[in-house]
Amino acid sequence: MVGVRDRNQAEEAFRRLETASAGPDRQTQYTRGAMAGLLWALGRGDPSPVTAWTTEGEPTMETLTAEADAATVQMEDATQRNIPRDYLRGVSDALAWVCGHTDNRPSHPVH
């Protein structure tokens, strides 16, 4: 399990974002953040995308939730924001989905 999601669900979410973002000018700060959040949740990205925490393997639910909260704090408080807002939104959306706080899987924005 990755958060409350089956590992295959998290892998599929990453692949869909990766495919939708392939090609020139297709990857956005949002998709970069969502993919970074998913990779980290899967235990394949270190350090974490917002706080730069290091973990061994897949992060725990508590750590996933803390990272999602850190993204939300930075989005809401410009004085603490040192990462682009859309990147933070992508991380937050991906981790909220992984943690079961929403059923909305992160997806590539439609232009």
N, C-alpha and C. Protein backbone atom coordinates (compact mmCIF):
# COMPACT_ATOMS: atom_id res chain seq x y z
N MET A 1 0.84 -1.19 0.00
CA MET A 1 0.00 0.00 0.00
C MET A 1 0.88 1.25 0.00
N VAL A 2 0.37 2.25 -0.67
CA VAL A 2 0.99 3.57 -0.67
C VAL A 2 -0.07 4.50 -0.09
N GLY A 3 0.09 4.91 1.16
CA GLY A 3 -0.99 5.61 1.84
C GLY A 3 -2.16 4.64 1.95
N VAL A 4 -3.32 5.04 1.43
CA VAL A 4 -4.48 4.16 1.41
C VAL A 4 -4.68 3.53 0.04
N ARG A 5 -3.83 3.87 -0.91
CA ARG A 5 -3.97 3.38 -2.28
C ARG A 5 -3.15 2.11 -2.50
N ASP A 6 -3.66 1.27 -3.36
CA ASP A 6 -2.91 0.12 -3.82
C ASP A 6 -1.70 0.64 -4.59
N ARG A 7 -0.58 -0.01 -4.44
CA ARG A 7 0.65 0.42 -5.13
C ARG A 7 0.43 0.57 -6.64
N ASN A 8 -0.34 -0.36 -7.23
CA ASN A 8 -0.61 -0.29 -8.67
C ASN A 8 -1.39 0.96 -9.03
N GLN A 9 -2.30 1.41 -8.16
CA GLN A 9 -3.05 2.64 -8.42
C GLN A 9 -2.11 3.84 -8.44
N ALA A 10 -1.18 3.89 -7.49
CA ALA A 10 -0.23 5.00 -7.44
C ALA A 10 0.70 4.98 -8.64
N GLU A 11 1.15 3.80 -9.03
CA GLU A 11 2.01 3.67 -10.21
C GLU A 11 1.27 4.14 -11.46
N GLU A 12 0.01 3.73 -11.59
CA GLU A 12 -0.81 4.11 -12.74
C GLU A 12 -1.04 5.62 -12.78
N ALA A 13 -1.30 6.22 -11.63
CA ALA A 13 -1.48 7.68 -11.57
C ALA A 13 -0.21 8.38 -12.06
N PHE A 14 0.95 7.89 -11.63
CA PHE A 14 2.21 8.49 -12.08
C PHE A 14 2.36 8.33 -13.59
N ARG A 15 2.12 7.12 -14.10
CA ARG A 15 2.28 6.88 -15.54
C ARG A 15 1.36 7.76 -16.37
N ARG A 16 0.14 7.95 -15.92
CA ARG A 16 -0.80 8.81 -16.66
C ARG A 16 -0.31 10.25 -16.72
N LEU A 17 0.18 10.74 -15.59
CA LEU A 17 0.73 12.10 -15.58
C LEU A 17 1.96 12.21 -16.47
N GLU A 18 2.81 11.21 -16.37
CA GLU A 18 4.03 11.21 -17.17
C GLU A 18 3.71 11.21 -18.67
N THR A 19 2.76 10.38 -19.07
CA THR A 19 2.36 10.30 -20.48
C THR A 19 1.74 11.61 -20.94
N ALA A 20 0.84 12.15 -20.14
CA ALA A 20 0.15 13.40 -20.51
C ALA A 20 1.12 14.58 -20.56
N SER A 21 2.22 14.48 -19.83
CA SER A 21 3.19 15.58 -19.75
C SER A 21 4.33 15.44 -20.73
N ALA A 22 4.36 14.34 -21.48
CA ALA A 22 5.47 14.12 -22.42
C ALA A 22 5.37 15.10 -23.58
N GLY A 23 6.50 15.54 -24.03
CA GLY A 23 6.55 16.42 -25.19
C GLY A 23 6.83 17.85 -24.79
N PRO A 24 7.22 18.62 -25.77
CA PRO A 24 7.59 20.02 -25.53
C PRO A 24 6.41 20.82 -24.96
N ASP A 25 6.70 21.60 -23.97
CA ASP A 25 5.73 22.51 -23.36
C ASP A 25 4.50 21.83 -22.77
N ARG A 26 4.57 20.56 -22.46
CA ARG A 26 3.42 19.85 -21.89
C ARG A 26 3.54 19.73 -20.36
N GLN A 27 4.75 19.73 -19.84
CA GLN A 27 4.92 19.58 -18.40
C GLN A 27 4.78 20.94 -17.73
N THR A 28 3.93 21.00 -16.73
CA THR A 28 3.70 22.24 -15.99
C THR A 28 4.27 22.10 -14.59
N GLN A 29 4.30 23.20 -13.86
CA GLN A 29 4.72 23.13 -12.46
C GLN A 29 3.79 22.21 -11.69
N TYR A 30 2.49 22.24 -12.01
CA TYR A 30 1.54 21.36 -11.35
C TYR A 30 1.90 19.89 -11.58
N THR A 31 2.11 19.50 -12.83
CA THR A 31 2.40 18.10 -13.10
C THR A 31 3.76 17.70 -12.52
N ARG A 32 4.72 18.60 -12.55
CA ARG A 32 6.02 18.30 -11.91
C ARG A 32 5.83 18.01 -10.43
N GLY A 33 5.03 18.84 -9.75
CA GLY A 33 4.78 18.65 -8.33
C GLY A 33 4.02 17.36 -8.05
N ALA A 34 2.99 17.09 -8.85
CA ALA A 34 2.21 15.86 -8.65
C ALA A 34 3.08 14.63 -8.88
N MET A 35 3.89 14.64 -9.92
CA MET A 35 4.77 13.49 -10.18
C MET A 35 5.81 13.34 -9.08
N ALA A 36 6.36 14.45 -8.59
CA ALA A 36 7.34 14.38 -7.50
C ALA A 36 6.69 13.81 -6.24
N GLY A 37 5.46 14.24 -5.95
CA GLY A 37 4.75 13.72 -4.78
C GLY A 37 4.48 12.23 -4.89
N LEU A 38 4.06 11.79 -6.07
CA LEU A 38 3.78 10.37 -6.27
C LEU A 38 5.05 9.53 -6.20
N LEU A 39 6.12 9.99 -6.84
CA LEU A 39 7.39 9.24 -6.78
C LEU A 39 7.87 9.11 -5.35
N TRP A 40 7.79 10.19 -4.60
CA TRP A 40 8.23 10.16 -3.21
C TRP A 40 7.35 9.20 -2.41
N ALA A 41 6.03 9.26 -2.61
CA ALA A 41 5.11 8.36 -1.90
C ALA A 41 5.41 6.90 -2.23
N LEU A 42 5.85 6.65 -3.45
CA LEU A 42 6.19 5.29 -3.88
C LEU A 42 7.56 4.84 -3.36
N GLY A 43 8.27 5.75 -2.70
CA GLY A 43 9.59 5.40 -2.15
C GLY A 43 10.70 5.50 -3.17
N ARG A 44 10.45 6.20 -4.28
CA ARG A 44 11.45 6.30 -5.34
C ARG A 44 12.02 7.70 -5.50
N GLY A 45 11.63 8.61 -4.66
CA GLY A 45 12.16 9.96 -4.72
C GLY A 45 12.58 10.40 -3.34
N ASP A 46 13.77 10.84 -3.21
CA ASP A 46 14.25 11.30 -1.92
C ASP A 46 15.17 12.48 -2.19
N PRO A 47 15.04 13.55 -1.52
CA PRO A 47 14.19 13.81 -0.37
C PRO A 47 12.75 14.14 -0.78
N SER A 48 11.91 14.42 0.24
CA SER A 48 10.52 14.75 -0.03
C SER A 48 10.45 16.05 -0.84
N PRO A 49 9.39 16.24 -1.62
CA PRO A 49 9.34 17.35 -2.58
C PRO A 49 9.19 18.75 -1.99
N VAL A 50 8.72 18.88 -0.76
CA VAL A 50 8.51 20.21 -0.19
C VAL A 50 9.48 20.50 0.96
N THR A 51 9.58 19.59 1.90
CA THR A 51 10.37 19.84 3.11
C THR A 51 11.79 19.28 3.03
N ALA A 52 12.05 18.48 2.02
CA ALA A 52 13.36 17.83 1.84
C ALA A 52 13.69 16.83 2.94
N TRP A 53 12.65 16.23 3.55
CA TRP A 53 12.87 15.15 4.50
C TRP A 53 13.39 13.94 3.75
N THR A 54 14.25 13.18 4.40
CA THR A 54 14.69 11.92 3.80
C THR A 54 14.03 10.77 4.54
N THR A 55 13.68 9.76 3.77
CA THR A 55 13.04 8.58 4.33
C THR A 55 13.73 7.35 3.74
N GLU A 56 13.61 6.26 4.43
CA GLU A 56 14.11 5.00 3.90
C GLU A 56 12.92 4.24 3.34
N GLY A 57 12.88 4.06 2.04
CA GLY A 57 11.74 3.38 1.42
C GLY A 57 10.52 4.28 1.37
N GLU A 58 9.36 3.64 1.39
CA GLU A 58 8.11 4.39 1.31
C GLU A 58 7.84 5.13 2.61
N PRO A 59 7.43 6.39 2.51
CA PRO A 59 7.10 7.14 3.72
C PRO A 59 5.84 6.59 4.40
N THR A 60 5.75 6.79 5.69
CA THR A 60 4.57 6.37 6.45
C THR A 60 3.40 7.31 6.17
N MET A 61 2.22 6.88 6.55
CA MET A 61 1.03 7.73 6.39
C MET A 61 1.21 9.05 7.13
N GLU A 62 1.79 8.99 8.32
CA GLU A 62 2.02 10.20 9.11
C GLU A 62 2.96 11.16 8.35
N THR A 63 4.01 10.63 7.74
CA THR A 63 4.96 11.45 7.00
C THR A 63 4.32 12.00 5.73
N LEU A 64 3.53 11.18 5.04
CA LEU A 64 2.82 11.64 3.84
C LEU A 64 1.90 12.81 4.18
N THR A 65 1.15 12.66 5.26
CA THR A 65 0.21 13.70 5.68
C THR A 65 0.95 14.98 6.07
N ALA A 66 2.06 14.83 6.78
CA ALA A 66 2.85 16.00 7.18
C ALA A 66 3.39 16.75 5.97
N GLU A 67 3.80 16.02 4.94
CA GLU A 67 4.32 16.66 3.72
C GLU A 67 3.19 17.38 2.98
N ALA A 68 2.02 16.76 2.92
CA ALA A 68 0.85 17.42 2.29
C ALA A 68 0.50 18.69 3.06
N ASP A 69 0.54 18.62 4.38
CA ASP A 69 0.26 19.80 5.21
C ASP A 69 1.29 20.90 4.97
N ALA A 70 2.56 20.53 4.83
CA ALA A 70 3.61 21.52 4.58
C ALA A 70 3.37 22.22 3.25
N ALA A 71 2.92 21.48 2.24
CA ALA A 71 2.62 22.09 0.95
C ALA A 71 1.47 23.08 1.09
N THR A 72 0.45 22.71 1.85
CA THR A 72 -0.71 23.59 2.05
C THR A 72 -0.30 24.86 2.77
N VAL A 73 0.52 24.74 3.81
CA VAL A 73 0.98 25.92 4.56
C VAL A 73 1.72 26.87 3.63
N GLN A 74 2.62 26.35 2.80
CA GLN A 74 3.37 27.22 1.90
C GLN A 74 2.46 27.86 0.85
N MET A 75 1.44 27.14 0.38
CA MET A 75 0.51 27.73 -0.60
C MET A 75 -0.27 28.88 0.03
N GLU A 76 -0.65 28.72 1.27
CA GLU A 76 -1.49 29.72 1.94
C GLU A 76 -0.72 30.90 2.50
N ASP A 77 0.57 30.76 2.70
CA ASP A 77 1.37 31.82 3.31
C ASP A 77 2.55 32.15 2.41
N ALA A 78 2.38 33.20 1.63
CA ALA A 78 3.41 33.59 0.66
C ALA A 78 4.75 33.89 1.33
N THR A 79 4.75 34.27 2.61
CA THR A 79 6.02 34.57 3.28
C THR A 79 6.83 33.31 3.52
N GLN A 80 6.16 32.13 3.51
CA GLN A 80 6.88 30.86 3.71
C GLN A 80 7.11 30.13 2.39
N ARG A 81 6.62 30.69 1.30
CA ARG A 81 6.69 29.98 0.01
C ARG A 81 8.04 30.24 -0.66
N ASN A 82 8.78 29.18 -0.92
CA ASN A 82 10.02 29.27 -1.68
C ASN A 82 9.99 28.32 -2.87
N ILE A 83 8.82 27.75 -3.13
CA ILE A 83 8.58 26.82 -4.23
C ILE A 83 7.38 27.36 -5.00
N PRO A 84 7.36 27.25 -6.34
CA PRO A 84 6.22 27.77 -7.10
C PRO A 84 4.88 27.20 -6.60
N ARG A 85 3.89 28.07 -6.52
CA ARG A 85 2.56 27.70 -5.99
C ARG A 85 1.95 26.52 -6.74
N ASP A 86 2.04 26.50 -8.07
CA ASP A 86 1.44 25.40 -8.84
C ASP A 86 2.14 24.07 -8.55
N TYR A 87 3.45 24.10 -8.33
CA TYR A 87 4.19 22.89 -7.95
C TYR A 87 3.65 22.37 -6.61
N LEU A 88 3.51 23.29 -5.65
CA LEU A 88 2.97 22.93 -4.34
C LEU A 88 1.57 22.34 -4.46
N ARG A 89 0.74 22.92 -5.31
CA ARG A 89 -0.62 22.41 -5.51
C ARG A 89 -0.56 20.98 -6.05
N GLY A 90 0.36 20.72 -6.99
CA GLY A 90 0.51 19.37 -7.53
C GLY A 90 0.91 18.37 -6.46
N VAL A 91 1.89 18.74 -5.64
CA VAL A 91 2.32 17.87 -4.53
C VAL A 91 1.15 17.63 -3.58
N SER A 92 0.48 18.70 -3.20
CA SER A 92 -0.64 18.60 -2.27
C SER A 92 -1.76 17.71 -2.82
N ASP A 93 -2.13 17.90 -4.07
CA ASP A 93 -3.20 17.10 -4.68
C ASP A 93 -2.81 15.62 -4.75
N ALA A 94 -1.57 15.35 -5.13
CA ALA A 94 -1.11 13.96 -5.23
C ALA A 94 -1.11 13.28 -3.87
N LEU A 95 -0.58 13.97 -2.86
CA LEU A 95 -0.50 13.36 -1.54
C LEU A 95 -1.87 13.27 -0.88
N ALA A 96 -2.74 14.23 -1.14
CA ALA A 96 -4.11 14.14 -0.60
C ALA A 96 -4.81 12.92 -1.18
N TRP A 97 -4.59 12.64 -2.46
CA TRP A 97 -5.18 11.46 -3.09
C TRP A 97 -4.58 10.18 -2.50
N VAL A 98 -3.26 10.14 -2.39
CA VAL A 98 -2.58 8.96 -1.83
C VAL A 98 -3.07 8.69 -0.41
N CYS A 99 -3.28 9.74 0.38
CA CYS A 99 -3.69 9.58 1.77
C CYS A 99 -5.19 9.32 1.93
N GLY A 100 -5.94 9.40 0.84
CA GLY A 100 -7.37 9.15 0.92
C GLY A 100 -8.20 10.34 1.35
N HIS A 101 -7.60 11.54 1.31
CA HIS A 101 -8.35 12.75 1.68
C HIS A 101 -9.25 13.20 0.55
N THR A 102 -9.05 12.67 -0.65
CA THR A 102 -9.88 12.97 -1.81
C THR A 102 -9.87 11.75 -2.73
N ASP A 103 -10.91 11.63 -3.52
CA ASP A 103 -10.94 10.57 -4.53
C ASP A 103 -10.49 11.09 -5.89
N ASN A 104 -10.15 12.38 -5.95
CA ASN A 104 -9.73 13.00 -7.21
C ASN A 104 -8.24 12.78 -7.43
N ARG A 105 -7.95 11.86 -8.34
CA ARG A 105 -6.56 11.57 -8.68
C ARG A 105 -5.99 12.77 -9.42
N PRO A 106 -4.75 13.17 -9.12
CA PRO A 106 -4.17 14.32 -9.85
C PRO A 106 -4.07 14.01 -11.34
N SER A 107 -4.38 15.02 -12.15
CA SER A 107 -4.33 14.80 -13.60
C SER A 107 -3.74 16.03 -14.27
N HIS A 108 -3.31 15.83 -15.50
CA HIS A 108 -2.73 16.91 -16.27
C HIS A 108 -3.79 17.95 -16.56
N PRO A 109 -3.49 19.23 -16.30
CA PRO A 109 -4.49 20.28 -16.57
C PRO A 109 -4.83 20.34 -18.06
N VAL A 110 -6.08 20.54 -18.36
CA VAL A 110 -6.53 20.67 -19.76
C VAL A 110 -6.41 22.13 -20.14
N HIS A 111 -5.77 22.37 -21.28
CA HIS A 111 -5.63 23.77 -21.77
C HIS A 111 -6.56 24.00 -22.91
